[in-house]
Amino acid sequence: MAKTNQLSGERLRELARTGAQVTLERLRAEVIAIERAFPELAATPRSRQAVQRSVKTAARSSRRMSAAARKAVSQRMKRYWAERRKTQGKAK
């Protein structure tokens, strides 16, 4: 019979903690490398909030398509797909 090697809960937790520490150190090193490559990403929290607010405002104030524009797009796409189905039917 094969002998199973079981880890105690404490030893397993210790190994998990060690692995987590190594991963965290790698991630921190990667963040530093990214911030060196792109200094604008290393902004202060306050400036990050300002950027986030401006992005949200821009997203909210984006133009909406009118009903006529939606109808025109719908008609174009119907023609496009009808033509595509027609050419695919001939290709087979």
C-alpha atoms as a PDB file:
ATOM      1  CA  MET A   1       0.000   0.000   0.000  1.00  0.00           C
ATOM      2  CA  ALA A   2       1.197   3.481  -0.815  1.00  0.00           C
ATOM      3  CA  LYS A   3       1.846   5.778   2.095  1.00  0.00           C
ATOM      4  CA  THR A   4       0.073   9.123   1.759  1.00  0.00           C
ATOM      5  CA  ASN A   5       1.932  12.245   2.821  1.00  0.00           C
ATOM      6  CA  GLN A   6      -0.602  14.554   4.425  1.00  0.00           C
ATOM      7  CA  LEU A   7       0.194  18.113   5.473  1.00  0.00           C
ATOM      8  CA  SER A   8      -1.102  19.513   8.694  1.00  0.00           C
ATOM      9  CA  GLY A   9      -3.438  22.481   8.471  1.00  0.00           C
ATOM     10  CA  GLU A  10      -0.811  24.741  10.009  1.00  0.00           C
ATOM     11  CA  ARG A  11       1.893  23.662   7.518  1.00  0.00           C
ATOM     12  CA  LEU A  12      -0.509  24.073   4.598  1.00  0.00           C
ATOM     13  CA  ARG A  13      -1.394  27.586   5.768  1.00  0.00           C
ATOM     14  CA  GLU A  14       2.310  28.443   6.108  1.00  0.00           C
ATOM     15  CA  LEU A  15       2.979  27.286   2.534  1.00  0.00           C
ATOM     16  CA  ALA A  16      -0.009  29.254   1.243  1.00  0.00           C
ATOM     17  CA  ARG A  17       1.222  32.383   3.041  1.00  0.00           C
ATOM     18  CA  THR A  18       4.707  31.979   1.537  1.00  0.00           C
ATOM     19  CA  GLY A  19       3.257  31.582  -1.934  1.00  0.00           C
ATOM     20  CA  ALA A  20       1.048  34.625  -1.433  1.00  0.00           C
ATOM     21  CA  GLN A  21       4.049  36.711  -0.295  1.00  0.00           C
ATOM     22  CA  VAL A  22       6.058  35.738  -3.382  1.00  0.00           C
ATOM     23  CA  THR A  23       3.122  36.555  -5.649  1.00  0.00           C
ATOM     24  CA  LEU A  24       2.592  39.905  -3.918  1.00  0.00           C
ATOM     25  CA  GLU A  25       6.262  40.829  -4.332  1.00  0.00           C
ATOM     26  CA  ARG A  26       6.121  39.955  -8.036  1.00  0.00           C
ATOM     27  CA  LEU A  27       2.980  42.057  -8.471  1.00  0.00           C
ATOM     28  CA  ARG A  28       4.551  45.020  -6.680  1.00  0.00           C
ATOM     29  CA  ALA A  29       7.621  44.762  -8.918  1.00  0.00           C
ATOM     30  CA  GLU A  30       5.368  44.660 -11.967  1.00  0.00           C
ATOM     31  CA  VAL A  31       3.461  47.747 -10.797  1.00  0.00           C
ATOM     32  CA  ILE A  32       6.740  49.617 -10.345  1.00  0.00           C
ATOM     33  CA  ALA A  33       7.880  48.605 -13.844  1.00  0.00           C
ATOM     34  CA  ILE A  34       4.574  49.740 -15.352  1.00  0.00           C
ATOM     35  CA  GLU A  35       4.682  53.059 -13.501  1.00  0.00           C
ATOM     36  CA  ARG A  36       8.221  53.639 -14.756  1.00  0.00           C
ATOM     37  CA  ALA A  37       7.149  52.906 -18.333  1.00  0.00           C
ATOM     38  CA  PHE A  38       3.979  55.010 -18.021  1.00  0.00           C
ATOM     39  CA  PRO A  39       4.610  57.764 -15.422  1.00  0.00           C
ATOM     40  CA  GLU A  40       1.128  59.226 -15.886  1.00  0.00           C
ATOM     41  CA  LEU A  41      -0.288  56.068 -14.300  1.00  0.00           C
ATOM     42  CA  ALA A  42       1.602  56.798 -11.096  1.00  0.00           C
ATOM     43  CA  ALA A  43      -0.741  59.690 -10.369  1.00  0.00           C
ATOM     44  CA  THR A  44      -1.888  60.629  -6.902  1.00  0.00           C
ATOM     45  CA  PRO A  45      -5.220  59.254  -5.691  1.00  0.00           C
ATOM     46  CA  ARG A  46      -6.785  62.725  -5.957  1.00  0.00           C
ATOM     47  CA  SER A  47      -5.831  63.099  -9.627  1.00  0.00           C
ATOM     48  CA  ARG A  48      -7.057  59.564 -10.315  1.00  0.00           C
ATOM     49  CA  GLN A  49     -10.439  60.552  -8.883  1.00  0.00           C
ATOM     50  CA  ALA A  50     -10.528  63.611 -11.146  1.00  0.00           C
ATOM     51  CA  VAL A  51      -9.811  61.437 -14.176  1.00  0.00           C
ATOM     52  CA  GLN A  52     -12.499  58.944 -13.151  1.00  0.00           C
ATOM     53  CA  ARG A  53     -15.037  61.779 -12.726  1.00  0.00           C
ATOM     54  CA  SER A  54     -14.234  63.212 -16.140  1.00  0.00           C
ATOM     55  CA  VAL A  55     -14.573  59.786 -17.772  1.00  0.00           C
ATOM     56  CA  LYS A  56     -17.947  59.233 -16.111  1.00  0.00           C
ATOM     57  CA  THR A  57     -19.119  62.680 -17.195  1.00  0.00           C
ATOM     58  CA  ALA A  58     -17.973  62.070 -20.762  1.00  0.00           C
ATOM     59  CA  ALA A  59     -19.740  58.709 -20.824  1.00  0.00           C
ATOM     60  CA  ARG A  60     -22.970  60.245 -19.561  1.00  0.00           C
ATOM     61  CA  SER A  61     -22.896  63.103 -22.026  1.00  0.00           C
ATOM     62  CA  SER A  62     -22.248  60.934 -25.068  1.00  0.00           C
ATOM     63  CA  ARG A  63     -24.527  61.470 -28.030  1.00  0.00           C
ATOM     64  CA  ARG A  64     -27.482  59.234 -28.504  1.00  0.00           C
ATOM     65  CA  MET A  65     -28.678  57.951 -31.828  1.00  0.00           C
ATOM     66  CA  SER A  66     -31.962  59.393 -33.018  1.00  0.00           C
ATOM     67  CA  ALA A  67     -34.824  57.140 -34.029  1.00  0.00           C
ATOM     68  CA  ALA A  68     -34.247  58.029 -37.688  1.00  0.00           C
ATOM     69  CA  ALA A  69     -30.547  57.136 -37.409  1.00  0.00           C
ATOM     70  CA  ARG A  70     -31.371  53.797 -35.776  1.00  0.00           C
ATOM     71  CA  LYS A  71     -33.851  53.046 -38.554  1.00  0.00           C
ATOM     72  CA  ALA A  72     -31.272  53.900 -41.224  1.00  0.00           C
ATOM     73  CA  VAL A  73     -28.680  51.633 -39.570  1.00  0.00           C
ATOM     74  CA  SER A  74     -31.251  48.863 -39.300  1.00  0.00           C
ATOM     75  CA  GLN A  75     -32.074  49.089 -43.003  1.00  0.00           C
ATOM     76  CA  ARG A  76     -28.396  49.086 -43.986  1.00  0.00           C
ATOM     77  CA  MET A  77     -27.691  46.040 -41.851  1.00  0.00           C
ATOM     78  CA  LYS A  78     -30.704  44.168 -43.238  1.00  0.00           C
ATOM     79  CA  ARG A  79     -29.437  44.808 -46.769  1.00  0.00           C
ATOM     80  CA  TYR A  80     -25.916  43.793 -45.726  1.00  0.00           C
ATOM     81  CA  TRP A  81     -27.025  40.490 -44.192  1.00  0.00           C
ATOM     82  CA  ALA A  82     -29.383  39.696 -47.072  1.00  0.00           C
ATOM     83  CA  GLU A  83     -26.539  40.235 -49.548  1.00  0.00           C
ATOM     84  CA  ARG A  84     -24.206  38.156 -47.418  1.00  0.00           C
ATOM     85  CA  ARG A  85     -26.679  35.259 -47.209  1.00  0.00           C
ATOM     86  CA  LYS A  86     -27.162  35.435 -50.961  1.00  0.00           C
ATOM     87  CA  THR A  87     -23.427  35.220 -51.708  1.00  0.00           C
ATOM     88  CA  GLN A  88     -22.856  32.444 -49.182  1.00  0.00           C
ATOM     89  CA  GLY A  89     -25.643  30.410 -50.744  1.00  0.00           C
ATOM     90  CA  LYS A  90     -23.932  30.655 -54.154  1.00  0.00           C
ATOM     91  CA  ALA A  91     -20.524  29.734 -52.719  1.00  0.00           C
ATOM     92  CA  LYS A  92     -21.717  26.380 -51.369  1.00  0.00           C
END
